[in-house]
Every structure is written in C-alpha cells, then in structure tokens.
Amino acid sequence: MKIPMHYSLEVAHQVVNKIDIPKSIAEQVTVESWSNCREQGLCISVTIGGYANWKRICVAQHRSSDSILVISGPHKEFDDHNQPSEEVWRNGVHFHFNEQKKAAEFIKKEIEKAIELK
C-alpha cells in the first residue's frame, strides 16, 4: 500500500512537475518544503552562483479553497522556514484548481525573470 500524500502537497508536486526549464536554469533552482498551517506545499529558490538565494516562489493548494496559490518575491521577504512577509502574501496569485499547467507556466516565467535580473 502506498502512503498517501497530503492533498495540498500533491497539488504542489503536480504543478512543479509541469515546470519545464532548460538545464542551465534548472541548475540554479532548488525545491524545499513549505508549510503554513493547512497549506502544505513546495518552495522554489532561485540562486546566484549556487550560494545566495535571489528569489523564492511557494506553491500549494490554498487552505480555504481548491485554488492553486503561488507566492513569489525576493528572498529577503521570506524567513528561514520559507514563510513570506505579509506584503508578499497579499500579492499571491491564485489559479483555478485544474490550471496546474497555467500555474507552472507562471512559475517558469518568475524563475526566468529572476535569472535575467541577476
């Protein structure tokens, strides 16, 4: 029997698995866990030179709906546990629960923008 995964983590994994970026960019990205009470998701960190975080992008199923929540901002607006500041939280983007591909494309663009800015 498979151990079931929390539904919010399943959503985050499904979105992240749909992100298709070139290897040269993927090498500058890491994925960590993120938890905000009922939201269980993943946090993508874009790095500079493999050391300093430049941008973070968190994805999960929103706690009070079935929508996909994507929160992104500069690394300094997140704490050591990948929790965003209130300002970054308010700027989160929501996608319909079946728009995983659209959420993945949004995240891909956010990653590409972060790479271009460094």
PDB file of N, CA and C in Angstrom:
ATOM      1  N   MET A   1       0.842  -1.184   0.000  1.00  0.00           N
ATOM      2  CA  MET A   1       0.000   0.000   0.000  1.00  0.00           C
ATOM      3  C   MET A   1       0.884   1.243   0.000  1.00  0.00           C
ATOM      4  N   LYS A   2       0.507   2.218  -0.822  1.00  0.00           N
ATOM      5  CA  LYS A   2       1.226   3.492  -0.851  1.00  0.00           C
ATOM      6  C   LYS A   2       0.814   4.351   0.335  1.00  0.00           C
ATOM      7  N   ILE A   3       1.764   5.055   0.880  1.00  0.00           N
ATOM      8  CA  ILE A   3       1.456   6.023   1.932  1.00  0.00           C
ATOM      9  C   ILE A   3       0.845   7.236   1.253  1.00  0.00           C
ATOM     10  N   PRO A   4      -0.348   7.637   1.670  1.00  0.00           N
ATOM     11  CA  PRO A   4      -0.986   8.780   0.993  1.00  0.00           C
ATOM     12  C   PRO A   4      -0.287  10.096   1.318  1.00  0.00           C
ATOM     13  N   MET A   5      -0.250  10.964   0.328  1.00  0.00           N
ATOM     14  CA  MET A   5       0.342  12.282   0.477  1.00  0.00           C
ATOM     15  C   MET A   5      -0.775  13.287   0.764  1.00  0.00           C
ATOM     16  N   HIS A   6      -0.489  14.259   1.593  1.00  0.00           N
ATOM     17  CA  HIS A   6      -1.447  15.325   1.873  1.00  0.00           C
ATOM     18  C   HIS A   6      -1.865  15.960   0.548  1.00  0.00           C
ATOM     19  N   TYR A   7      -3.162  16.226   0.381  1.00  0.00           N
ATOM     20  CA  TYR A   7      -3.689  16.717  -0.903  1.00  0.00           C
ATOM     21  C   TYR A   7      -3.013  18.004  -1.362  1.00  0.00           C
ATOM     22  N   SER A   8      -2.659  18.882  -0.436  1.00  0.00           N
ATOM     23  CA  SER A   8      -2.015  20.134  -0.822  1.00  0.00           C
ATOM     24  C   SER A   8      -0.617  19.876  -1.379  1.00  0.00           C
ATOM     25  N   LEU A   9       0.087  18.907  -0.806  1.00  0.00           N
ATOM     26  CA  LEU A   9       1.397  18.540  -1.337  1.00  0.00           C
ATOM     27  C   LEU A   9       1.271  17.918  -2.709  1.00  0.00           C
ATOM     28  N   GLU A  10       0.235  17.129  -2.922  1.00  0.00           N
ATOM     29  CA  GLU A  10       0.011  16.535  -4.248  1.00  0.00           C
ATOM     30  C   GLU A  10      -0.144  17.629  -5.294  1.00  0.00           C
ATOM     31  N   VAL A  11      -0.924  18.647  -4.970  1.00  0.00           N
ATOM     32  CA  VAL A  11      -1.134  19.753  -5.904  1.00  0.00           C
ATOM     33  C   VAL A  11       0.198  20.438  -6.208  1.00  0.00           C
ATOM     34  N   ALA A  12       0.980  20.723  -5.170  1.00  0.00           N
ATOM     35  CA  ALA A  12       2.268  21.389  -5.367  1.00  0.00           C
ATOM     36  C   ALA A  12       3.192  20.538  -6.242  1.00  0.00           C
ATOM     37  N   HIS A  13       3.236  19.245  -5.971  1.00  0.00           N
ATOM     38  CA  HIS A  13       4.086  18.355  -6.780  1.00  0.00           C
ATOM     39  C   HIS A  13       3.624  18.321  -8.236  1.00  0.00           C
ATOM     40  N   GLN A  14       2.318  18.277  -8.447  1.00  0.00           N
ATOM     41  CA  GLN A  14       1.794  18.244  -9.811  1.00  0.00           C
ATOM     42  C   GLN A  14       2.181  19.504 -10.568  1.00  0.00           C
ATOM     43  N   VAL A  15       2.120  20.650  -9.917  1.00  0.00           N
ATOM     44  CA  VAL A  15       2.495  21.907 -10.569  1.00  0.00           C
ATOM     45  C   VAL A  15       3.995  21.919 -10.865  1.00  0.00           C
ATOM     46  N   VAL A  16       4.815  21.617  -9.873  1.00  0.00           N
ATOM     47  CA  VAL A  16       6.265  21.657 -10.054  1.00  0.00           C
ATOM     48  C   VAL A  16       6.707  20.671 -11.133  1.00  0.00           C
ATOM     49  N   ASN A  17       6.066  19.519 -11.196  1.00  0.00           N
ATOM     50  CA  ASN A  17       6.425  18.526 -12.219  1.00  0.00           C
ATOM     51  C   ASN A  17       6.124  19.007 -13.637  1.00  0.00           C
ATOM     52  N   LYS A  18       5.286  20.014 -13.778  1.00  0.00           N
ATOM     53  CA  LYS A  18       4.938  20.549 -15.094  1.00  0.00           C
ATOM     54  C   LYS A  18       5.845  21.708 -15.518  1.00  0.00           C
ATOM     55  N   ILE A  19       6.729  22.162 -14.635  1.00  0.00           N
ATOM     56  CA  ILE A  19       7.643  23.258 -14.972  1.00  0.00           C
ATOM     57  C   ILE A  19       8.761  22.692 -15.829  1.00  0.00           C
ATOM     58  N   ASP A  20       8.898  23.225 -17.028  1.00  0.00           N
ATOM     59  CA  ASP A  20       9.910  22.737 -17.965  1.00  0.00           C
ATOM     60  C   ASP A  20      10.875  23.875 -18.274  1.00  0.00           C
ATOM     61  N   ILE A  21      12.070  23.795 -17.699  1.00  0.00           N
ATOM     62  CA  ILE A  21      13.074  24.833 -17.910  1.00  0.00           C
ATOM     63  C   ILE A  21      14.370  24.188 -18.408  1.00  0.00           C
ATOM     64  N   PRO A  22      15.187  24.958 -19.120  1.00  0.00           N
ATOM     65  CA  PRO A  22      16.464  24.421 -19.599  1.00  0.00           C
ATOM     66  C   PRO A  22      17.369  24.003 -18.438  1.00  0.00           C
ATOM     67  N   LYS A  23      18.236  23.052 -18.696  1.00  0.00           N
ATOM     68  CA  LYS A  23      19.142  22.534 -17.677  1.00  0.00           C
ATOM     69  C   LYS A  23      19.984  23.639 -17.051  1.00  0.00           C
ATOM     70  N   SER A  24      20.434  24.597 -17.860  1.00  0.00           N
ATOM     71  CA  SER A  24      21.274  25.680 -17.347  1.00  0.00           C
ATOM     72  C   SER A  24      20.543  26.520 -16.297  1.00  0.00           C
ATOM     73  N   ILE A  25      19.231  26.641 -16.446  1.00  0.00           N
ATOM     74  CA  ILE A  25      18.434  27.371 -15.456  1.00  0.00           C
ATOM     75  C   ILE A  25      18.104  26.453 -14.285  1.00  0.00           C
ATOM     76  N   ALA A  26      17.740  25.216 -14.571  1.00  0.00           N
ATOM     77  CA  ALA A  26      17.372  24.262 -13.519  1.00  0.00           C
ATOM     78  C   ALA A  26      18.499  24.077 -12.507  1.00  0.00           C
ATOM     79  N   GLU A  27      19.733  24.198 -12.953  1.00  0.00           N
ATOM     80  CA  GLU A  27      20.881  24.046 -12.053  1.00  0.00           C
ATOM     81  C   GLU A  27      20.969  25.167 -11.024  1.00  0.00           C
ATOM     82  N   GLN A  28      20.220  26.244 -11.238  1.00  0.00           N
ATOM     83  CA  GLN A  28      20.224  27.385 -10.317  1.00  0.00           C
ATOM     84  C   GLN A  28      18.972  27.421  -9.444  1.00  0.00           C
ATOM     85  N   VAL A  29      18.221  26.318  -9.447  1.00  0.00           N
ATOM     86  CA  VAL A  29      16.948  26.258  -8.737  1.00  0.00           C
ATOM     87  C   VAL A  29      16.933  25.053  -7.801  1.00  0.00           C
ATOM     88  N   THR A  30      16.410  25.261  -6.590  1.00  0.00           N
ATOM     89  CA  THR A  30      16.211  24.150  -5.660  1.00  0.00           C
ATOM     90  C   THR A  30      14.768  24.178  -5.160  1.00  0.00           C
ATOM     91  N   VAL A  31      14.296  23.032  -4.719  1.00  0.00           N
ATOM     92  CA  VAL A  31      12.936  22.923  -4.199  1.00  0.00           C
ATOM     93  C   VAL A  31      13.007  22.419  -2.763  1.00  0.00           C
ATOM     94  N   GLU A  32      12.309  23.115  -1.871  1.00  0.00           N
ATOM     95  CA  GLU A  32      12.247  22.752  -0.461  1.00  0.00           C
ATOM     96  C   GLU A  32      10.789  22.629  -0.051  1.00  0.00           C
ATOM     97  N   SER A  33      10.566  22.163   1.145  1.00  0.00           N
ATOM     98  CA  SER A  33       9.196  22.076   1.653  1.00  0.00           C
ATOM     99  C   SER A  33       8.746  23.437   2.174  1.00  0.00           C
ATOM    100  N   TRP A  34       7.445  23.596   2.252  1.00  0.00           N
ATOM    101  CA  TRP A  34       6.847  24.810   2.811  1.00  0.00           C
ATOM    102  C   TRP A  34       5.549  24.425   3.489  1.00  0.00           C
ATOM    103  N   SER A  35       5.342  24.913   4.679  1.00  0.00           N
ATOM    104  CA  SER A  35       4.112  24.621   5.410  1.00  0.00           C
ATOM    105  C   SER A  35       3.622  25.885   6.077  1.00  0.00           C
ATOM    106  N   ASN A  36       2.344  26.151   5.900  1.00  0.00           N
ATOM    107  CA  ASN A  36       1.712  27.304   6.521  1.00  0.00           C
ATOM    108  C   ASN A  36       0.375  26.833   7.078  1.00  0.00           C
ATOM    109  N   CYS A  37       0.420  26.167   8.195  1.00  0.00           N
ATOM    110  CA  CYS A  37      -0.772  25.555   8.796  1.00  0.00           C
ATOM    111  C   CYS A  37      -1.378  24.541   7.833  1.00  0.00           C
ATOM    112  N   ARG A  38      -2.546  24.844   7.278  1.00  0.00           N
ATOM    113  CA  ARG A  38      -3.203  23.876   6.396  1.00  0.00           C
ATOM    114  C   ARG A  38      -2.620  23.838   4.993  1.00  0.00           C
ATOM    115  N   GLU A  39      -1.833  24.829   4.613  1.00  0.00           N
ATOM    116  CA  GLU A  39      -1.192  24.808   3.299  1.00  0.00           C
ATOM    117  C   GLU A  39       0.121  24.049   3.411  1.00  0.00           C
ATOM    118  N   GLN A  40       0.208  22.973   2.690  1.00  0.00           N
ATOM    119  CA  GLN A  40       1.427  22.169   2.634  1.00  0.00           C
ATOM    120  C   GLN A  40       1.896  22.249   1.191  1.00  0.00           C
ATOM    121  N   GLY A  41       3.060  22.768   0.961  1.00  0.00           N
ATOM    122  CA  GLY A  41       3.489  22.935  -0.417  1.00  0.00           C
ATOM    123  C   GLY A  41       4.983  22.873  -0.581  1.00  0.00           C
ATOM    124  N   LEU A  42       5.418  23.464  -1.673  1.00  0.00           N
ATOM    125  CA  LEU A  42       6.823  23.475  -2.025  1.00  0.00           C
ATOM    126  C   LEU A  42       7.270  24.914  -2.237  1.00  0.00           C
ATOM    127  N   CYS A  43       8.541  25.164  -1.941  1.00  0.00           N
ATOM    128  CA  CYS A  43       9.119  26.481  -2.135  1.00  0.00           C
ATOM    129  C   CYS A  43      10.321  26.338  -3.059  1.00  0.00           C
ATOM    130  N   ILE A  44      10.283  27.059  -4.138  1.00  0.00           N
ATOM    131  CA  ILE A  44      11.343  27.032  -5.141  1.00  0.00           C
ATOM    132  C   ILE A  44      12.264  28.220  -4.870  1.00  0.00           C
ATOM    133  N   SER A  45      13.555  27.943  -4.749  1.00  0.00           N
ATOM    134  CA  SER A  45      14.542  29.007  -4.540  1.00  0.00           C
ATOM    135  C   SER A  45      15.419  29.131  -5.772  1.00  0.00           C
ATOM    136  N   VAL A  46      15.533  30.344  -6.282  1.00  0.00           N
ATOM    137  CA  VAL A  46      16.422  30.638  -7.398  1.00  0.00           C
ATOM    138  C   VAL A  46      17.687  31.208  -6.768  1.00  0.00           C
ATOM    139  N   THR A  47      18.841  30.665  -7.138  1.00  0.00           N
ATOM    140  CA  THR A  47      20.092  31.059  -6.509  1.00  0.00           C
ATOM    141  C   THR A  47      21.030  31.769  -7.476  1.00  0.00           C
ATOM    142  N   ILE A  48      21.980  32.486  -6.899  1.00  0.00           N
ATOM    143  CA  ILE A  48      23.018  33.157  -7.672  1.00  0.00           C
ATOM    144  C   ILE A  48      24.320  32.440  -7.365  1.00  0.00           C
ATOM    145  N   GLY A  49      24.944  31.909  -8.356  1.00  0.00           N
ATOM    146  CA  GLY A  49      26.214  31.241  -8.163  1.00  0.00           C
ATOM    147  C   GLY A  49      26.141  30.040  -7.240  1.00  0.00           C
ATOM    148  N   GLY A  50      24.950  29.514  -7.026  1.00  0.00           N
ATOM    149  CA  GLY A  50      24.791  28.347  -6.180  1.00  0.00           C
ATOM    150  C   GLY A  50      24.803  28.635  -4.692  1.00  0.00           C
ATOM    151  N   TYR A  51      24.933  29.900  -4.302  1.00  0.00           N
ATOM    152  CA  TYR A  51      25.038  30.197  -2.882  1.00  0.00           C
ATOM    153  C   TYR A  51      23.888  31.043  -2.336  1.00  0.00           C
ATOM    154  N   ALA A  52      23.760  32.249  -2.805  1.00  0.00           N
ATOM    155  CA  ALA A  52      22.784  33.182  -2.223  1.00  0.00           C
ATOM    156  C   ALA A  52      21.425  33.047  -2.895  1.00  0.00           C
ATOM    157  N   ASN A  53      20.396  32.958  -2.076  1.00  0.00           N
ATOM    158  CA  ASN A  53      19.041  32.944  -2.628  1.00  0.00           C
ATOM    159  C   ASN A  53      18.737  34.306  -3.235  1.00  0.00           C
ATOM    160  N   TRP A  54      18.082  34.282  -4.383  1.00  0.00           N
ATOM    161  CA  TRP A  54      17.730  35.515  -5.073  1.00  0.00           C
ATOM    162  C   TRP A  54      16.223  35.730  -5.009  1.00  0.00           C
ATOM    163  N   LYS A  55      15.471  34.672  -5.244  1.00  0.00           N
ATOM    164  CA  LYS A  55      14.022  34.758  -5.265  1.00  0.00           C
ATOM    165  C   LYS A  55      13.430  33.448  -4.760  1.00  0.00           C
ATOM    166  N   ARG A  56      12.269  33.530  -4.125  1.00  0.00           N
ATOM    167  CA  ARG A  56      11.561  32.335  -3.688  1.00  0.00           C
ATOM    168  C   ARG A  56      10.148  32.356  -4.250  1.00  0.00           C
ATOM    169  N   ILE A  57       9.678  31.169  -4.582  1.00  0.00           N
ATOM    170  CA  ILE A  57       8.339  31.003  -5.132  1.00  0.00           C
ATOM    171  C   ILE A  57       7.708  29.804  -4.439  1.00  0.00           C
ATOM    172  N   CYS A  58       6.642  30.031  -3.684  1.00  0.00           N
ATOM    173  CA  CYS A  58       5.965  28.948  -2.980  1.00  0.00           C
ATOM    174  C   CYS A  58       4.660  28.608  -3.692  1.00  0.00           C
ATOM    175  N   VAL A  59       4.346  27.306  -3.712  1.00  0.00           N
ATOM    176  CA  VAL A  59       3.128  26.842  -4.371  1.00  0.00           C
ATOM    177  C   VAL A  59       2.449  25.803  -3.493  1.00  0.00           C
ATOM    178  N   ALA A  60       1.119  25.906  -3.389  1.00  0.00           N
ATOM    179  CA  ALA A  60       0.318  24.963  -2.607  1.00  0.00           C
ATOM    180  C   ALA A  60      -1.144  25.109  -3.011  1.00  0.00           C
ATOM    181  N   GLN A  61      -1.946  24.210  -2.517  1.00  0.00           N
ATOM    182  CA  GLN A  61      -3.388  24.379  -2.665  1.00  0.00           C
ATOM    183  C   GLN A  61      -3.820  25.331  -1.554  1.00  0.00           C
ATOM    184  N   HIS A  62      -4.585  26.348  -1.892  1.00  0.00           N
ATOM    185  CA  HIS A  62      -4.994  27.349  -0.908  1.00  0.00           C
ATOM    186  C   HIS A  62      -5.816  26.691   0.190  1.00  0.00           C
ATOM    187  N   ARG A  63      -5.598  27.121   1.417  1.00  0.00           N
ATOM    188  CA  ARG A  63      -6.218  26.466   2.573  1.00  0.00           C
ATOM    189  C   ARG A  63      -7.728  26.598   2.653  1.00  0.00           C
ATOM    190  N   SER A  64      -8.300  27.622   2.051  1.00  0.00           N
ATOM    191  CA  SER A  64      -9.751  27.782   2.171  1.00  0.00           C
ATOM    192  C   SER A  64     -10.480  27.600   0.839  1.00  0.00           C
ATOM    193  N   SER A  65      -9.785  27.042  -0.134  1.00  0.00           N
ATOM    194  CA  SER A  65     -10.424  26.767  -1.423  1.00  0.00           C
ATOM    195  C   SER A  65      -9.636  25.673  -2.124  1.00  0.00           C
ATOM    196  N   ASP A  66     -10.075  25.298  -3.288  1.00  0.00           N
ATOM    197  CA  ASP A  66      -9.333  24.326  -4.087  1.00  0.00           C
ATOM    198  C   ASP A  66      -8.340  25.005  -5.023  1.00  0.00           C
ATOM    199  N   SER A  67      -8.254  26.321  -4.975  1.00  0.00           N
ATOM    200  CA  SER A  67      -7.381  27.034  -5.915  1.00  0.00           C
ATOM    201  C   SER A  67      -5.906  26.748  -5.629  1.00  0.00           C
ATOM    202  N   ILE A  68      -5.109  26.956  -6.645  1.00  0.00           N
ATOM    203  CA  ILE A  68      -3.660  26.830  -6.521  1.00  0.00           C
ATOM    204  C   ILE A  68      -3.121  28.204  -6.156  1.00  0.00           C
ATOM    205  N   LEU A  69      -2.337  28.261  -5.113  1.00  0.00           N
ATOM    206  CA  LEU A  69      -1.769  29.513  -4.627  1.00  0.00           C
ATOM    207  C   LEU A  69      -0.281  29.552  -4.968  1.00  0.00           C
ATOM    208  N   VAL A  70       0.158  30.640  -5.593  1.00  0.00           N
ATOM    209  CA  VAL A  70       1.579  30.850  -5.888  1.00  0.00           C
ATOM    210  C   VAL A  70       1.982  32.187  -5.279  1.00  0.00           C
ATOM    211  N   ILE A  71       3.004  32.137  -4.435  1.00  0.00           N
ATOM    212  CA  ILE A  71       3.502  33.333  -3.765  1.00  0.00           C
ATOM    213  C   ILE A  71       4.962  33.492  -4.158  1.00  0.00           C
ATOM    214  N   SER A  72       5.331  34.651  -4.690  1.00  0.00           N
ATOM    215  CA  SER A  72       6.725  34.841  -5.087  1.00  0.00           C
ATOM    216  C   SER A  72       7.217  36.217  -4.686  1.00  0.00           C
ATOM    217  N   GLY A  73       8.507  36.278  -4.428  1.00  0.00           N
ATOM    218  CA  GLY A  73       9.113  37.549  -4.070  1.00  0.00           C
ATOM    219  C   GLY A  73      10.595  37.387  -3.811  1.00  0.00           C
ATOM    220  N   PRO A  74      11.258  38.490  -3.491  1.00  0.00           N
ATOM    221  CA  PRO A  74      12.683  38.432  -3.194  1.00  0.00           C
ATOM    222  C   PRO A  74      12.937  37.604  -1.940  1.00  0.00           C
ATOM    223  N   HIS A  75      14.062  36.930  -1.907  1.00  0.00           N
ATOM    224  CA  HIS A  75      14.377  36.040  -0.790  1.00  0.00           C
ATOM    225  C   HIS A  75      14.319  36.749   0.553  1.00  0.00           C
ATOM    226  N   LYS A  76      14.669  38.030   0.597  1.00  0.00           N
ATOM    227  CA  LYS A  76      14.679  38.754   1.877  1.00  0.00           C
ATOM    228  C   LYS A  76      13.275  38.942   2.456  1.00  0.00           C
ATOM    229  N   GLU A  77      12.250  38.693   1.646  1.00  0.00           N
ATOM    230  CA  GLU A  77      10.862  38.806   2.107  1.00  0.00           C
ATOM    231  C   GLU A  77      10.314  37.478   2.643  1.00  0.00           C
ATOM    232  N   PHE A  78      11.203  36.466   2.795  1.00  0.00           N
ATOM    233  CA  PHE A  78      10.829  35.160   3.341  1.00  0.00           C
ATOM    234  C   PHE A  78      11.723  34.862   4.534  1.00  0.00           C
ATOM    235  N   ASP A  79      11.166  34.179   5.539  1.00  0.00           N
ATOM    236  CA  ASP A  79      12.009  33.811   6.675  1.00  0.00           C
ATOM    237  C   ASP A  79      12.726  32.482   6.406  1.00  0.00           C
ATOM    238  N   ASP A  80      13.428  31.974   7.405  1.00  0.00           N
ATOM    239  CA  ASP A  80      14.210  30.742   7.249  1.00  0.00           C
ATOM    240  C   ASP A  80      13.350  29.498   6.999  1.00  0.00           C
ATOM    241  N   HIS A  81      12.044  29.617   7.229  1.00  0.00           N
ATOM    242  CA  HIS A  81      11.121  28.495   7.025  1.00  0.00           C
ATOM    243  C   HIS A  81      10.271  28.689   5.775  1.00  0.00           C
ATOM    244  N   ASN A  82      10.698  29.591   4.909  1.00  0.00           N
ATOM    245  CA  ASN A  82      10.027  29.897   3.640  1.00  0.00           C
ATOM    246  C   ASN A  82       8.670  30.582   3.805  1.00  0.00           C
ATOM    247  N   GLN A  83       8.453  31.198   4.964  1.00  0.00           N
ATOM    248  CA  GLN A  83       7.216  31.946   5.179  1.00  0.00           C
ATOM    249  C   GLN A  83       7.376  33.346   4.594  1.00  0.00           C
ATOM    250  N   PRO A  84       6.444  33.754   3.721  1.00  0.00           N
ATOM    251  CA  PRO A  84       6.542  35.089   3.118  1.00  0.00           C
ATOM    252  C   PRO A  84       6.091  36.185   4.077  1.00  0.00           C
ATOM    253  N   SER A  85       6.576  37.394   3.812  1.00  0.00           N
ATOM    254  CA  SER A  85       6.109  38.558   4.567  1.00  0.00           C
ATOM    255  C   SER A  85       4.642  38.806   4.225  1.00  0.00           C
ATOM    256  N   GLU A  86       3.989  39.624   5.014  1.00  0.00           N
ATOM    257  CA  GLU A  86       2.577  39.949   4.759  1.00  0.00           C
ATOM    258  C   GLU A  86       2.397  40.597   3.389  1.00  0.00           C
ATOM    259  N   GLU A  87       3.326  41.458   3.012  1.00  0.00           N
ATOM    260  CA  GLU A  87       3.228  42.135   1.713  1.00  0.00           C
ATOM    261  C   GLU A  87       3.290  41.123   0.563  1.00  0.00           C
ATOM    262  N   VAL A  88       4.239  40.210   0.617  1.00  0.00           N
ATOM    263  CA  VAL A  88       4.367  39.201  -0.430  1.00  0.00           C
ATOM    264  C   VAL A  88       3.135  38.293  -0.422  1.00  0.00           C
ATOM    265  N   TRP A  89       2.657  37.944   0.770  1.00  0.00           N
ATOM    266  CA  TRP A  89       1.462  37.090   0.892  1.00  0.00           C
ATOM    267  C   TRP A  89       0.271  37.738   0.189  1.00  0.00           C
ATOM    268  N   ARG A  90       0.083  39.040   0.402  1.00  0.00           N
ATOM    269  CA  ARG A  90      -1.060  39.744  -0.210  1.00  0.00           C
ATOM    270  C   ARG A  90      -0.972  39.754  -1.737  1.00  0.00           C
ATOM    271  N   ASN A  91       0.225  39.628  -2.285  1.00  0.00           N
ATOM    272  CA  ASN A  91       0.406  39.647  -3.734  1.00  0.00           C
ATOM    273  C   ASN A  91       0.390  38.249  -4.349  1.00  0.00           C
ATOM    274  N   GLY A  92      -0.033  37.254  -3.577  1.00  0.00           N
ATOM    275  CA  GLY A  92      -0.113  35.893  -4.096  1.00  0.00           C
ATOM    276  C   GLY A  92      -1.072  35.807  -5.280  1.00  0.00           C
ATOM    277  N   VAL A  93      -0.796  34.873  -6.167  1.00  0.00           N
ATOM    278  CA  VAL A  93      -1.602  34.684  -7.369  1.00  0.00           C
ATOM    279  C   VAL A  93      -2.354  33.365  -7.237  1.00  0.00           C
ATOM    280  N   HIS A  94      -3.635  33.386  -7.579  1.00  0.00           N
ATOM    281  CA  HIS A  94      -4.476  32.192  -7.492  1.00  0.00           C
ATOM    282  C   HIS A  94      -4.820  31.685  -8.889  1.00  0.00           C
ATOM    283  N   PHE A  95      -4.817  30.369  -9.020  1.00  0.00           N
ATOM    284  CA  PHE A  95      -5.213  29.707 -10.260  1.00  0.00           C
ATOM    285  C   PHE A  95      -6.314  28.715  -9.931  1.00  0.00           C
ATOM    286  N   HIS A  96      -7.218  28.507 -10.865  1.00  0.00           N
ATOM    287  CA  HIS A  96      -8.277  27.512 -10.691  1.00  0.00           C
ATOM    288  C   HIS A  96      -7.631  26.155 -10.423  1.00  0.00           C
ATOM    289  N   PHE A  97      -8.294  25.292  -9.670  1.00  0.00           N
ATOM    290  CA  PHE A  97      -7.689  24.020  -9.266  1.00  0.00           C
ATOM    291  C   PHE A  97      -7.231  23.151 -10.429  1.00  0.00           C
ATOM    292  N   ASN A  98      -7.841  23.316 -11.603  1.00  0.00           N
ATOM    293  CA  ASN A  98      -7.423  22.490 -12.748  1.00  0.00           C
ATOM    294  C   ASN A  98      -6.470  23.234 -13.687  1.00  0.00           C
ATOM    295  N   GLU A  99      -5.936  24.359 -13.247  1.00  0.00           N
ATOM    296  CA  GLU A  99      -4.997  25.141 -14.066  1.00  0.00           C
ATOM    297  C   GLU A  99      -3.552  24.921 -13.620  1.00  0.00           C
ATOM    298  N   GLN A 100      -3.192  23.669 -13.409  1.00  0.00           N
ATOM    299  CA  GLN A 100      -1.835  23.347 -12.966  1.00  0.00           C
ATOM    300  C   GLN A 100      -0.804  23.763 -14.004  1.00  0.00           C
ATOM    301  N   LYS A 101      -1.091  23.539 -15.261  1.00  0.00           N
ATOM    302  CA  LYS A 101      -0.162  23.917 -16.331  1.00  0.00           C
ATOM    303  C   LYS A 101       0.019  25.441 -16.367  1.00  0.00           C
ATOM    304  N   LYS A 102      -1.070  26.172 -16.204  1.00  0.00           N
ATOM    305  CA  LYS A 102      -1.013  27.635 -16.200  1.00  0.00           C
ATOM    306  C   LYS A 102      -0.180  28.133 -15.002  1.00  0.00           C
ATOM    307  N   ALA A 103      -0.355  27.509 -13.836  1.00  0.00           N
ATOM    308  CA  ALA A 103       0.439  27.871 -12.658  1.00  0.00           C
ATOM    309  C   ALA A 103       1.919  27.561 -12.900  1.00  0.00           C
ATOM    310  N   ALA A 104       2.196  26.418 -13.540  1.00  0.00           N
ATOM    311  CA  ALA A 104       3.575  26.034 -13.850  1.00  0.00           C
ATOM    312  C   ALA A 104       4.217  27.037 -14.807  1.00  0.00           C
ATOM    313  N   GLU A 105       3.458  27.489 -15.799  1.00  0.00           N
ATOM    314  CA  GLU A 105       3.982  28.486 -16.750  1.00  0.00           C
ATOM    315  C   GLU A 105       4.270  29.808 -16.043  1.00  0.00           C
ATOM    316  N   PHE A 106       3.399  30.197 -15.115  1.00  0.00           N
ATOM    317  CA  PHE A 106       3.612  31.421 -14.339  1.00  0.00           C
ATOM    318  C   PHE A 106       4.911  31.303 -13.535  1.00  0.00           C
ATOM    319  N   ILE A 107       5.093  30.162 -12.878  1.00  0.00           N
ATOM    320  CA  ILE A 107       6.302  29.950 -12.080  1.00  0.00           C
ATOM    321  C   ILE A 107       7.539  29.949 -12.971  1.00  0.00           C
ATOM    322  N   LYS A 108       7.446  29.316 -14.127  1.00  0.00           N
ATOM    323  CA  LYS A 108       8.567  29.299 -15.072  1.00  0.00           C
ATOM    324  C   LYS A 108       8.976  30.725 -15.434  1.00  0.00           C
ATOM    325  N   LYS A 109       8.008  31.578 -15.711  1.00  0.00           N
ATOM    326  CA  LYS A 109       8.303  32.972 -16.054  1.00  0.00           C
ATOM    327  C   LYS A 109       8.947  33.706 -14.882  1.00  0.00           C
ATOM    328  N   GLU A 110       8.480  33.424 -13.666  1.00  0.00           N
ATOM    329  CA  GLU A 110       9.064  34.052 -12.479  1.00  0.00           C
ATOM    330  C   GLU A 110      10.523  33.624 -12.307  1.00  0.00           C
ATOM    331  N   ILE A 111      10.801  32.347 -12.547  1.00  0.00           N
ATOM    332  CA  ILE A 111      12.178  31.846 -12.463  1.00  0.00           C
ATOM    333  C   ILE A 111      13.046  32.520 -13.520  1.00  0.00           C
ATOM    334  N   GLU A 112      12.547  32.569 -14.741  1.00  0.00           N
ATOM    335  CA  GLU A 112      13.309  33.181 -15.843  1.00  0.00           C
ATOM    336  C   GLU A 112      13.577  34.656 -15.568  1.00  0.00           C
ATOM    337  N   LYS A 113      12.596  35.386 -15.039  1.00  0.00           N
ATOM    338  CA  LYS A 113      12.789  36.799 -14.713  1.00  0.00           C
ATOM    339  C   LYS A 113      13.886  36.962 -13.649  1.00  0.00           C
ATOM    340  N   ALA A 114      13.873  36.080 -12.654  1.00  0.00           N
ATOM    341  CA  ALA A 114      14.879  36.159 -11.590  1.00  0.00           C
ATOM    342  C   ALA A 114      16.275  35.907 -12.150  1.00  0.00           C
ATOM    343  N   ILE A 115      16.402  34.956 -13.050  1.00  0.00           N
ATOM    344  CA  ILE A 115      17.697  34.640 -13.665  1.00  0.00           C
ATOM    345  C   ILE A 115      18.188  35.822 -14.497  1.00  0.00           C
ATOM    346  N   GLU A 116      17.278  36.447 -15.242  1.00  0.00           N
ATOM    347  CA  GLU A 116      17.637  37.592 -16.087  1.00  0.00           C
ATOM    348  C   GLU A 116      18.101  38.776 -15.247  1.00  0.00           C
ATOM    349  N   LEU A 117      17.504  38.975 -14.086  1.00  0.00           N
ATOM    350  CA  LEU A 117      17.816  40.136 -13.246  1.00  0.00           C
ATOM    351  C   LEU A 117      19.161  40.038 -12.536  1.00  0.00           C
ATOM    352  N   LYS A 118      19.665  38.843 -12.386  1.00  0.00           N
ATOM    353  CA  LYS A 118      20.915  38.732 -11.639  1.00  0.00           C
ATOM    354  C   LYS A 118      22.040  39.196 -12.483  1.00  0.00           C
TER     355      LYS A 118
END
